[in-house]
Structures are given as structure tokens and as C-alpha cells.
PDB file of N, CA and C in Angstrom:
ATOM      1  N   UNK A   1       4.426  -1.208-107.557  1.00  0.00           N
ATOM      2  CA  UNK A   1       5.403  -0.570-108.076  1.00  0.00           C
ATOM      3  C   UNK A   1       6.547  -1.857-107.528  1.00  0.00           C
ATOM      4  N   UNK A   2       7.388  -2.462-108.311  1.00  0.00           N
ATOM      5  CA  UNK A   2       8.521  -2.839-108.627  1.00  0.00           C
ATOM      6  C   UNK A   2       9.757  -2.316-108.505  1.00  0.00           C
ATOM      7  N   UNK A   3      10.901  -2.348-107.224  1.00  0.00           N
ATOM      8  CA  UNK A   3      12.071  -1.640-107.529  1.00  0.00           C
ATOM      9  C   UNK A   3      12.848  -2.658-107.979  1.00  0.00           C
ATOM     10  N   UNK A   4      13.856  -2.753-108.542  1.00  0.00           N
ATOM     11  CA  UNK A   4      14.978  -3.379-108.961  1.00  0.00           C
ATOM     12  C   UNK A   4      15.762  -3.616-108.156  1.00  0.00           C
ATOM     13  N   UNK A   5      16.437  -4.632-107.895  1.00  0.00           N
ATOM     14  CA  UNK A   5      17.521  -5.172-106.844  1.00  0.00           C
ATOM     15  C   UNK A   5      18.654  -4.636-107.427  1.00  0.00           C
ATOM     16  N   UNK A   6      19.236  -4.108-106.504  1.00  0.00           N
ATOM     17  CA  UNK A   6      20.401  -3.482-107.466  1.00  0.00           C
ATOM     18  C   UNK A   6      21.223  -2.681-105.886  1.00  0.00           C
ATOM     19  N   UNK A   7      22.194  -2.461-105.832  1.00  0.00           N
ATOM     20  CA  UNK A   7      23.214  -2.184-104.107  1.00  0.00           C
ATOM     21  C   UNK A   7      23.051  -0.750-104.384  1.00  0.00           C
ATOM     22  N   UNK A   8      22.686   0.433-104.819  1.00  0.00           N
ATOM     23  CA  UNK A   8      22.696   1.452-105.182  1.00  0.00           C
ATOM     24  C   UNK A   8      21.647   2.219-104.179  1.00  0.00           C
ATOM     25  N   UNK A   9      21.147   3.457-104.498  1.00  0.00           N
ATOM     26  CA  UNK A   9      20.379   4.412-103.839  1.00  0.00           C
ATOM     27  C   UNK A   9      19.373   3.970-105.061  1.00  0.00           C
ATOM     28  N   UNK A  10      17.700   3.866-104.662  1.00  0.00           N
ATOM     29  CA  UNK A  10      16.861   4.030-105.355  1.00  0.00           C
ATOM     30  C   UNK A  10      15.697   5.016-105.248  1.00  0.00           C
ATOM     31  N   UNK A  11      14.926   5.849-106.011  1.00  0.00           N
ATOM     32  CA  UNK A  11      13.809   6.934-105.857  1.00  0.00           C
ATOM     33  C   UNK A  11      12.881   6.143-106.655  1.00  0.00           C
ATOM     34  N   UNK A  12      11.632   6.470-106.114  1.00  0.00           N
ATOM     35  CA  UNK A  12      10.423   6.511-107.214  1.00  0.00           C
ATOM     36  C   UNK A  12       9.689   7.552-105.847  1.00  0.00           C
ATOM     37  N   UNK A  13       8.324   7.189-106.585  1.00  0.00           N
ATOM     38  CA  UNK A  13       7.548   8.358-105.697  1.00  0.00           C
ATOM     39  C   UNK A  13       7.055   7.777-104.296  1.00  0.00           C
ATOM     40  N   UNK A  14       7.309   6.359-104.533  1.00  0.00           N
ATOM     41  CA  UNK A  14       6.579   5.929-103.282  1.00  0.00           C
ATOM     42  C   UNK A  14       8.035   4.990-102.268  1.00  0.00           C
ATOM     43  N   UNK A  15       8.606   4.503-103.000  1.00  0.00           N
ATOM     44  CA  UNK A  15       9.641   3.598-102.515  1.00  0.00           C
ATOM     45  C   UNK A  15      10.990   4.494-101.933  1.00  0.00           C
ATOM     46  N   UNK A  16      11.792   3.967-101.684  1.00  0.00           N
ATOM     47  CA  UNK A  16      13.156   4.946-101.261  1.00  0.00           C
ATOM     48  C   UNK A  16      13.662   3.747-100.715  1.00  0.00           C
ATOM     49  N   UNK A  17      15.354   3.113-101.282  1.00  0.00           N
ATOM     50  CA  UNK A  17      15.526   1.920-100.677  1.00  0.00           C
ATOM     51  C   UNK A  17      17.221   2.277-101.004  1.00  0.00           C
ATOM     52  N   UNK A  18      17.603   2.119 -99.835  1.00  0.00           N
ATOM     53  CA  UNK A  18      19.432   2.181-100.290  1.00  0.00           C
ATOM     54  C   UNK A  18      19.768   0.797 -99.654  1.00  0.00           C
ATOM     55  N   UNK A  19      19.252  -0.386 -99.025  1.00  0.00           N
ATOM     56  CA  UNK A  19      19.669  -1.440 -98.117  1.00  0.00           C
ATOM     57  C   UNK A  19      20.385  -2.494 -99.425  1.00  0.00           C
ATOM     58  N   UNK A  20      21.829  -3.004 -99.020  1.00  0.00           N
ATOM     59  CA  UNK A  20      22.801  -3.953 -99.720  1.00  0.00           C
ATOM     60  C   UNK A  20      21.771  -4.926 -99.608  1.00  0.00           C
ATOM     61  N   UNK A  21      21.928  -5.735-100.755  1.00  0.00           N
ATOM     62  CA  UNK A  21      21.070  -6.891-100.748  1.00  0.00           C
ATOM     63  C   UNK A  21      22.380  -8.170-101.213  1.00  0.00           C
ATOM     64  N   UNK A  22      22.179  -9.306-100.244  1.00  0.00           N
ATOM     65  CA  UNK A  22      22.828 -10.393-100.495  1.00  0.00           C
ATOM     66  C   UNK A  22      22.270 -10.871-101.722  1.00  0.00           C
ATOM     67  N   UNK A  23      22.974 -11.843-102.057  1.00  0.00           N
ATOM     68  CA  UNK A  23      22.680 -12.789-103.331  1.00  0.00           C
ATOM     69  C   UNK A  23      21.558 -13.495-102.799  1.00  0.00           C
ATOM     70  N   UNK A  24      20.083 -13.380-103.877  1.00  0.00           N
ATOM     71  CA  UNK A  24      19.153 -14.225-103.441  1.00  0.00           C
ATOM     72  C   UNK A  24      18.882 -14.904-104.848  1.00  0.00           C
ATOM     73  N   UNK A  25      17.872 -15.750-104.319  1.00  0.00           N
ATOM     74  CA  UNK A  25      17.239 -16.774-105.717  1.00  0.00           C
ATOM     75  C   UNK A  25      16.038 -16.322-105.928  1.00  0.00           C
ATOM     76  N   UNK A  26      15.638 -16.778-107.380  1.00  0.00           N
ATOM     77  CA  UNK A  26      14.766 -16.160-107.886  1.00  0.00           C
ATOM     78  C   UNK A  26      13.371 -16.129-106.883  1.00  0.00           C
ATOM     79  N   UNK A  27      12.908 -17.461-106.081  1.00  0.00           N
ATOM     80  CA  UNK A  27      11.743 -17.697-105.286  1.00  0.00           C
ATOM     81  C   UNK A  27      11.692 -16.177-104.076  1.00  0.00           C
ATOM     82  N   UNK A  28      13.150 -16.399-103.518  1.00  0.00           N
ATOM     83  CA  UNK A  28      13.066 -15.094-102.583  1.00  0.00           C
ATOM     84  C   UNK A  28      13.114 -13.646-102.540  1.00  0.00           C
ATOM     85  N   UNK A  29      13.521 -13.632-104.273  1.00  0.00           N
ATOM     86  CA  UNK A  29      13.089 -12.120-104.709  1.00  0.00           C
ATOM     87  C   UNK A  29      11.865 -12.385-105.184  1.00  0.00           C
ATOM     88  N   UNK A  30      11.101 -13.105-105.304  1.00  0.00           N
ATOM     89  CA  UNK A  30       9.558 -12.849-105.777  1.00  0.00           C
ATOM     90  C   UNK A  30       8.831 -12.498-104.611  1.00  0.00           C
ATOM     91  N   UNK A  31       9.430 -13.340-103.515  1.00  0.00           N
ATOM     92  CA  UNK A  31       8.751 -12.767-101.749  1.00  0.00           C
ATOM     93  C   UNK A  31       8.959 -11.858-101.070  1.00  0.00           C
ATOM     94  N   UNK A  32      10.226 -11.150-101.461  1.00  0.00           N
ATOM     95  CA  UNK A  32      10.455  -9.551-101.083  1.00  0.00           C
ATOM     96  C   UNK A  32       9.710  -8.825-102.087  1.00  0.00           C
ATOM     97  N   UNK A  33       9.945  -9.145-102.919  1.00  0.00           N
ATOM     98  CA  UNK A  33       8.636  -7.831-103.790  1.00  0.00           C
ATOM     99  C   UNK A  33       7.088  -8.149-102.928  1.00  0.00           C
ATOM    100  N   UNK A  34       6.829  -9.101-103.243  1.00  0.00           N
ATOM    101  CA  UNK A  34       5.397  -9.456-102.948  1.00  0.00           C
ATOM    102  C   UNK A  34       5.074  -8.487-101.555  1.00  0.00           C
ATOM    103  N   UNK A  35       6.085  -9.217-100.494  1.00  0.00           N
ATOM    104  CA  UNK A  35       5.766  -8.487 -99.342  1.00  0.00           C
ATOM    105  C   UNK A  35       5.995  -7.187 -99.220  1.00  0.00           C
ATOM    106  N   UNK A  36       6.628  -6.460 -99.941  1.00  0.00           N
ATOM    107  CA  UNK A  36       7.135  -5.134-100.159  1.00  0.00           C
ATOM    108  C   UNK A  36       6.089  -4.651-100.941  1.00  0.00           C
ATOM    109  N   UNK A  37       5.246  -4.875-101.670  1.00  0.00           N
ATOM    110  CA  UNK A  37       4.309  -4.751-101.984  1.00  0.00           C
ATOM    111  C   UNK A  37       2.726  -4.823-100.933  1.00  0.00           C
ATOM    112  N   UNK A  38       3.023  -5.434-100.442  1.00  0.00           N
ATOM    113  CA  UNK A  38       2.037  -5.778 -99.183  1.00  0.00           C
ATOM    114  C   UNK A  38       1.800  -4.544 -98.325  1.00  0.00           C
ATOM    115  N   UNK A  39       2.805  -3.827 -98.258  1.00  0.00           N
ATOM    116  CA  UNK A  39       2.822  -2.851 -97.323  1.00  0.00           C
ATOM    117  C   UNK A  39       2.523  -1.578 -98.042  1.00  0.00           C
ATOM    118  N   UNK A  40       2.982  -1.387 -99.281  1.00  0.00           N
ATOM    119  CA  UNK A  40       2.413  -0.590 -99.853  1.00  0.00           C
ATOM    120  C   UNK A  40       0.883  -0.382-100.200  1.00  0.00           C
ATOM    121  N   UNK A  41       0.237  -1.688-100.497  1.00  0.00           N
ATOM    122  CA  UNK A  41      -1.527  -2.401-100.380  1.00  0.00           C
ATOM    123  C   UNK A  41      -1.750  -1.917 -99.148  1.00  0.00           C
ATOM    124  N   UNK A  42      -1.222  -2.068 -98.374  1.00  0.00           N
ATOM    125  CA  UNK A  42      -1.928  -1.977 -96.894  1.00  0.00           C
ATOM    126  C   UNK A  42      -2.257  -0.713 -96.340  1.00  0.00           C
ATOM    127  N   UNK A  43      -1.448   0.397 -96.771  1.00  0.00           N
ATOM    128  CA  UNK A  43      -1.003   1.985 -96.775  1.00  0.00           C
ATOM    129  C   UNK A  43      -2.449   2.317 -97.796  1.00  0.00           C
ATOM    130  N   UNK A  44      -2.690   1.799 -98.501  1.00  0.00           N
ATOM    131  CA  UNK A  44      -3.867   2.672 -99.423  1.00  0.00           C
ATOM    132  C   UNK A  44      -5.252   2.518 -98.933  1.00  0.00           C
ATOM    133  N   UNK A  45      -5.144   1.660 -97.935  1.00  0.00           N
ATOM    134  CA  UNK A  45      -6.140   1.558 -97.507  1.00  0.00           C
ATOM    135  C   UNK A  45      -6.106   2.693 -96.453  1.00  0.00           C
ATOM    136  N   UNK A  46      -5.382   3.437 -95.857  1.00  0.00           N
ATOM    137  CA  UNK A  46      -5.170   4.602 -94.998  1.00  0.00           C
ATOM    138  C   UNK A  46      -5.000   5.677 -96.291  1.00  0.00           C
ATOM    139  N   UNK A  47      -5.551   6.517 -97.182  1.00  0.00           N
ATOM    140  CA  UNK A  47      -5.152   7.636 -97.774  1.00  0.00           C
ATOM    141  C   UNK A  47      -4.818   8.835 -97.011  1.00  0.00           C
ATOM    142  N   UNK A  48      -5.927   9.288 -95.979  1.00  0.00           N
ATOM    143  CA  UNK A  48      -5.583  10.029 -95.832  1.00  0.00           C
ATOM    144  C   UNK A  48      -4.209  10.407 -94.353  1.00  0.00           C
ATOM    145  N   UNK A  49      -4.040   9.288 -94.582  1.00  0.00           N
ATOM    146  CA  UNK A  49      -3.216   9.052 -93.103  1.00  0.00           C
ATOM    147  C   UNK A  49      -1.693   9.015 -93.457  1.00  0.00           C
ATOM    148  N   UNK A  50      -0.697  10.202 -92.562  1.00  0.00           N
ATOM    149  CA  UNK A  50       0.476  10.310 -92.843  1.00  0.00           C
ATOM    150  C   UNK A  50       1.456   9.489 -92.709  1.00  0.00           C
ATOM    151  N   UNK A  51       2.374   9.455 -93.154  1.00  0.00           N
ATOM    152  CA  UNK A  51       3.364   8.589 -93.011  1.00  0.00           C
ATOM    153  C   UNK A  51       3.692   8.516 -90.899  1.00  0.00           C
ATOM    154  N   UNK A  52       3.536   9.634 -90.563  1.00  0.00           N
ATOM    155  CA  UNK A  52       3.721  10.185 -89.169  1.00  0.00           C
ATOM    156  C   UNK A  52       2.836   9.275 -88.692  1.00  0.00           C
ATOM    157  N   UNK A  53       1.530   9.391 -89.094  1.00  0.00           N
ATOM    158  CA  UNK A  53       0.232   8.904 -88.455  1.00  0.00           C
ATOM    159  C   UNK A  53       0.177   7.223 -88.654  1.00  0.00           C
ATOM    160  N   UNK A  54       0.857   6.567 -89.315  1.00  0.00           N
ATOM    161  CA  UNK A  54       0.952   5.248 -89.780  1.00  0.00           C
ATOM    162  C   UNK A  54       1.518   4.517 -88.882  1.00  0.00           C
ATOM    163  N   UNK A  55       2.558   5.620 -88.933  1.00  0.00           N
ATOM    164  CA  UNK A  55       3.655   4.755 -88.210  1.00  0.00           C
ATOM    165  C   UNK A  55       4.238   5.022 -86.958  1.00  0.00           C
ATOM    166  N   UNK A  56       2.917   5.859 -85.927  1.00  0.00           N
ATOM    167  CA  UNK A  56       2.976   5.884 -84.695  1.00  0.00           C
ATOM    168  C   UNK A  56       3.021   5.161 -83.946  1.00  0.00           C
ATOM    169  N   UNK A  57       3.960   4.577 -83.263  1.00  0.00           N
ATOM    170  CA  UNK A  57       4.239   3.288 -82.323  1.00  0.00           C
ATOM    171  C   UNK A  57       2.428   3.130 -81.681  1.00  0.00           C
ATOM    172  N   UNK A  58       1.817   4.385 -81.115  1.00  0.00           N
ATOM    173  CA  UNK A  58       0.523   3.944 -80.458  1.00  0.00           C
ATOM    174  C   UNK A  58      -0.417   3.263 -81.027  1.00  0.00           C
ATOM    175  N   UNK A  59      -0.814   3.842 -82.071  1.00  0.00           N
ATOM    176  CA  UNK A  59      -1.530   3.878 -83.645  1.00  0.00           C
ATOM    177  C   UNK A  59      -1.809   3.189 -84.200  1.00  0.00           C
ATOM    178  N   UNK A  60      -0.287   2.467 -84.771  1.00  0.00           N
ATOM    179  CA  UNK A  60      -0.021   1.877 -86.282  1.00  0.00           C
ATOM    180  C   UNK A  60      -1.250   0.742 -85.789  1.00  0.00           C
ATOM    181  N   UNK A  61      -1.845   0.292 -87.158  1.00  0.00           N
ATOM    182  CA  UNK A  61      -2.636  -0.289 -87.476  1.00  0.00           C
ATOM    183  C   UNK A  61      -3.022  -1.718 -87.564  1.00  0.00           C
ATOM    184  N   UNK A  62      -2.970  -2.734 -86.832  1.00  0.00           N
ATOM    185  CA  UNK A  62      -2.538  -4.277 -86.973  1.00  0.00           C
ATOM    186  C   UNK A  62      -2.191  -4.408 -88.126  1.00  0.00           C
ATOM    187  N   UNK A  63      -3.118  -4.147 -89.866  1.00  0.00           N
ATOM    188  CA  UNK A  63      -2.768  -4.742 -90.540  1.00  0.00           C
ATOM    189  C   UNK A  63      -1.677  -4.215 -91.411  1.00  0.00           C
ATOM    190  N   UNK A  64      -0.987  -3.238 -90.933  1.00  0.00           N
ATOM    191  CA  UNK A  64       0.316  -2.359 -91.241  1.00  0.00           C
ATOM    192  C   UNK A  64       1.150  -3.288 -90.757  1.00  0.00           C
ATOM    193  N   UNK A  65       1.110  -3.420 -89.557  1.00  0.00           N
ATOM    194  CA  UNK A  65       2.515  -4.058 -88.586  1.00  0.00           C
ATOM    195  C   UNK A  65       2.497  -6.073 -89.057  1.00  0.00           C
ATOM    196  N   UNK A  66       1.302  -6.137 -89.531  1.00  0.00           N
ATOM    197  CA  UNK A  66       1.380  -7.585 -90.063  1.00  0.00           C
ATOM    198  C   UNK A  66       2.073  -7.482 -91.606  1.00  0.00           C
ATOM    199  N   UNK A  67       1.526  -6.620 -92.036  1.00  0.00           N
ATOM    200  CA  UNK A  67       2.210  -6.761 -93.674  1.00  0.00           C
ATOM    201  C   UNK A  67       4.114  -6.077 -93.164  1.00  0.00           C
ATOM    202  N   UNK A  68       4.690  -5.850 -92.234  1.00  0.00           N
ATOM    203  CA  UNK A  68       5.977  -5.779 -92.167  1.00  0.00           C
ATOM    204  C   UNK A  68       6.286  -6.726 -91.057  1.00  0.00           C
ATOM    205  N   UNK A  69       5.758  -7.180 -90.462  1.00  0.00           N
ATOM    206  CA  UNK A  69       6.463  -8.379 -90.162  1.00  0.00           C
ATOM    207  C   UNK A  69       6.324  -9.201 -91.156  1.00  0.00           C
ATOM    208  N   UNK A  70       5.720  -9.549 -92.094  1.00  0.00           N
ATOM    209  CA  UNK A  70       5.539 -10.450 -93.077  1.00  0.00           C
ATOM    210  C   UNK A  70       7.375  -9.910 -94.165  1.00  0.00           C
ATOM    211  N   UNK A  71       7.263  -8.520 -94.297  1.00  0.00           N
ATOM    212  CA  UNK A  71       8.561  -8.472 -95.130  1.00  0.00           C
ATOM    213  C   UNK A  71       9.197  -8.514 -94.623  1.00  0.00           C
ATOM    214  N   UNK A  72       9.503  -8.348 -93.547  1.00  0.00           N
ATOM    215  CA  UNK A  72      10.980  -8.624 -92.080  1.00  0.00           C
ATOM    216  C   UNK A  72      11.548  -9.986 -92.222  1.00  0.00           C
ATOM    217  N   UNK A  73      10.550 -11.254 -92.099  1.00  0.00           N
ATOM    218  CA  UNK A  73      10.789 -12.550 -92.412  1.00  0.00           C
ATOM    219  C   UNK A  73      10.935 -13.156 -93.808  1.00  0.00           C
ATOM    220  N   UNK A  74      10.496 -11.904 -94.702  1.00  0.00           N
ATOM    221  CA  UNK A  74      11.255 -12.208 -96.079  1.00  0.00           C
ATOM    222  C   UNK A  74      12.279 -11.623 -96.346  1.00  0.00           C
ATOM    223  N   UNK A  75      12.732 -10.844 -95.647  1.00  0.00           N
ATOM    224  CA  UNK A  75      14.238 -10.259 -95.949  1.00  0.00           C
ATOM    225  C   UNK A  75      15.256 -10.797 -94.829  1.00  0.00           C
ATOM    226  N   UNK A  76      14.457 -12.071 -94.124  1.00  0.00           N
ATOM    227  CA  UNK A  76      15.105 -12.797 -92.805  1.00  0.00           C
ATOM    228  C   UNK A  76      15.948 -12.063 -91.886  1.00  0.00           C
ATOM    229  N   UNK A  77      14.959 -10.838 -91.581  1.00  0.00           N
ATOM    230  CA  UNK A  77      15.294  -9.832 -90.739  1.00  0.00           C
ATOM    231  C   UNK A  77      14.707 -10.527 -89.077  1.00  0.00           C
ATOM    232  N   UNK A  78      15.492 -10.540 -88.046  1.00  0.00           N
ATOM    233  CA  UNK A  78      15.051 -11.151 -86.650  1.00  0.00           C
ATOM    234  C   UNK A  78      14.993  -9.806 -85.804  1.00  0.00           C
ATOM    235  N   UNK A  79      13.477  -9.163 -86.197  1.00  0.00           N
ATOM    236  CA  UNK A  79      13.596  -7.597 -84.779  1.00  0.00           C
ATOM    237  C   UNK A  79      12.918  -7.982 -83.606  1.00  0.00           C
ATOM    238  N   UNK A  80      12.065  -8.703 -83.849  1.00  0.00           N
ATOM    239  CA  UNK A  80      10.534  -8.914 -82.817  1.00  0.00           C
ATOM    240  C   UNK A  80      10.957  -8.910 -81.285  1.00  0.00           C
ATOM    241  N   UNK A  81      10.883  -8.307 -80.739  1.00  0.00           N
ATOM    242  CA  UNK A  81      11.294  -8.025 -79.171  1.00  0.00           C
ATOM    243  C   UNK A  81      12.669  -6.831 -78.886  1.00  0.00           C
ATOM    244  N   UNK A  82      13.388  -6.262 -80.506  1.00  0.00           N
ATOM    245  CA  UNK A  82      14.308  -5.866 -80.407  1.00  0.00           C
ATOM    246  C   UNK A  82      14.119  -4.156 -80.260  1.00  0.00           C
ATOM    247  N   UNK A  83      14.694  -3.575 -79.534  1.00  0.00           N
ATOM    248  CA  UNK A  83      14.643  -2.037 -79.632  1.00  0.00           C
ATOM    249  C   UNK A  83      15.047  -1.439 -81.211  1.00  0.00           C
ATOM    250  N   UNK A  84      14.807  -0.614 -81.733  1.00  0.00           N
ATOM    251  CA  UNK A  84      14.904   0.072 -82.909  1.00  0.00           C
ATOM    252  C   UNK A  84      16.097   0.356 -83.163  1.00  0.00           C
ATOM    253  N   UNK A  85      17.027   0.954 -82.158  1.00  0.00           N
ATOM    254  CA  UNK A  85      18.681   1.174 -82.468  1.00  0.00           C
ATOM    255  C   UNK A  85      19.508  -0.383 -82.557  1.00  0.00           C
ATOM    256  N   UNK A  86      18.640  -1.334 -81.804  1.00  0.00           N
ATOM    257  CA  UNK A  86      19.085  -2.419 -81.961  1.00  0.00           C
ATOM    258  C   UNK A  86      19.314  -3.238 -83.257  1.00  0.00           C
ATOM    259  N   UNK A  87      17.871  -2.991 -83.935  1.00  0.00           N
ATOM    260  CA  UNK A  87      17.912  -3.401 -85.767  1.00  0.00           C
ATOM    261  C   UNK A  87      18.652  -2.508 -86.180  1.00  0.00           C
ATOM    262  N   UNK A  88      18.419  -1.450 -86.531  1.00  0.00           N
ATOM    263  CA  UNK A  88      19.584  -0.358 -86.871  1.00  0.00           C
ATOM    264  C   UNK A  88      21.138  -0.831 -86.784  1.00  0.00           C
ATOM    265  N   UNK A  89      21.344  -1.426 -85.886  1.00  0.00           N
ATOM    266  CA  UNK A  89      22.667  -2.388 -85.157  1.00  0.00           C
ATOM    267  C   UNK A  89      22.962  -2.827 -86.441  1.00  0.00           C
ATOM    268  N   UNK A  90      21.568  -4.134 -86.237  1.00  0.00           N
ATOM    269  CA  UNK A  90      22.207  -5.216 -86.945  1.00  0.00           C
ATOM    270  C   UNK A  90      21.989  -5.020 -88.316  1.00  0.00           C
ATOM    271  N   UNK A  91      21.398  -3.905 -88.838  1.00  0.00           N
ATOM    272  CA  UNK A  91      21.181  -3.738 -90.141  1.00  0.00           C
ATOM    273  C   UNK A  91      22.550  -3.370 -90.892  1.00  0.00           C
ATOM    274  N   UNK A  92      23.662  -2.471 -90.175  1.00  0.00           N
ATOM    275  CA  UNK A  92      24.506  -1.986 -90.488  1.00  0.00           C
ATOM    276  C   UNK A  92      25.720  -2.933 -90.289  1.00  0.00           C
ATOM    277  N   UNK A  93      25.523  -3.740 -89.303  1.00  0.00           N
ATOM    278  CA  UNK A  93      25.966  -5.572 -89.373  1.00  0.00           C
ATOM    279  C   UNK A  93      26.096  -5.999 -90.345  1.00  0.00           C
ATOM    280  N   UNK A  94      25.102  -6.304 -90.918  1.00  0.00           N
ATOM    281  CA  UNK A  94      24.631  -6.702 -92.454  1.00  0.00           C
ATOM    282  C   UNK A  94      25.466  -6.143 -93.470  1.00  0.00           C
ATOM    283  N   UNK A  95      25.331  -4.782 -93.238  1.00  0.00           N
ATOM    284  CA  UNK A  95      26.047  -4.066 -94.651  1.00  0.00           C
ATOM    285  C   UNK A  95      27.646  -3.962 -94.196  1.00  0.00           C
ATOM    286  N   UNK A  96      28.284  -4.001 -93.024  1.00  0.00           N
ATOM    287  CA  UNK A  96      29.311  -4.300 -93.169  1.00  0.00           C
ATOM    288  C   UNK A  96      29.987  -5.703 -93.673  1.00  0.00           C
ATOM    289  N   UNK A  97      29.415  -6.480 -93.177  1.00  0.00           N
ATOM    290  CA  UNK A  97      29.667  -7.831 -93.781  1.00  0.00           C
ATOM    291  C   UNK A  97      29.548  -7.757 -95.589  1.00  0.00           C
ATOM    292  N   UNK A  98      28.745  -7.355 -96.225  1.00  0.00           N
ATOM    293  CA  UNK A  98      28.396  -7.639 -97.575  1.00  0.00           C
ATOM    294  C   UNK A  98      29.472  -6.434 -98.409  1.00  0.00           C
ATOM    295  N   UNK A  99      30.233  -5.779 -97.599  1.00  0.00           N
ATOM    296  CA  UNK A  99      30.907  -4.619 -98.500  1.00  0.00           C
ATOM    297  C   UNK A  99      32.261  -5.180 -97.795  1.00  0.00           C
ATOM    298  N   UNK A 100      32.857  -6.056 -97.175  1.00  0.00           N
ATOM    299  CA  UNK A 100      33.709  -6.582 -97.038  1.00  0.00           C
ATOM    300  C   UNK A 100      34.820  -6.843 -98.075  1.00  0.00           C
TER     301      UNK A 100
END
């Protein structure tokens, strides 16, 4: 499933995205789409797992962690070794800069 890149809310059966996007070139857009699809494809290997199960910090499968790391890199997010609150603060700062 591909989600159209725009700056407002997007709803679909499998994806919710409200992130503001900076300008990206076609190569970056393709990479972002591929890594986002990689997350969805990885989840398909665990059809009986709820999101709570899949994202439990103690039991998240390595393949799903890797898919998210790949996606973070595609979006140029540097979250390794940061607390969740730090990641959220970084995303809000990016949003603030994009909406100046």
C-alpha cells in the first residue's frame, strides 16, 4: 500500500500518517515508500500478533526492529539510543521548523 505524500492527515485500513514532510526528491520518496512497505510486509509474517504484541519492547521481533530502523534512516531520523520522549521532542521540533 502506498500513501500519497501530503501534509494533512491520511487514513487507510493499514496506515495513519500525520507527519509533515519536507521537500524530498524522487529517489528519497521511493526509498521512504519502500521502507514503509517493508514495515507492513514484516507485520504480515505475524498475522496473529496484535500491535501491542508486535511492539512490546521486550518481545519485538528483530525483523520488525530492523524494518523500523531502515525506515528511520530513510526519513533521516536519528533516534538510536534516545528515549521515546526525546524522539517525540525531535519530531515536534521538525514540525515546528516546517511550519514556520
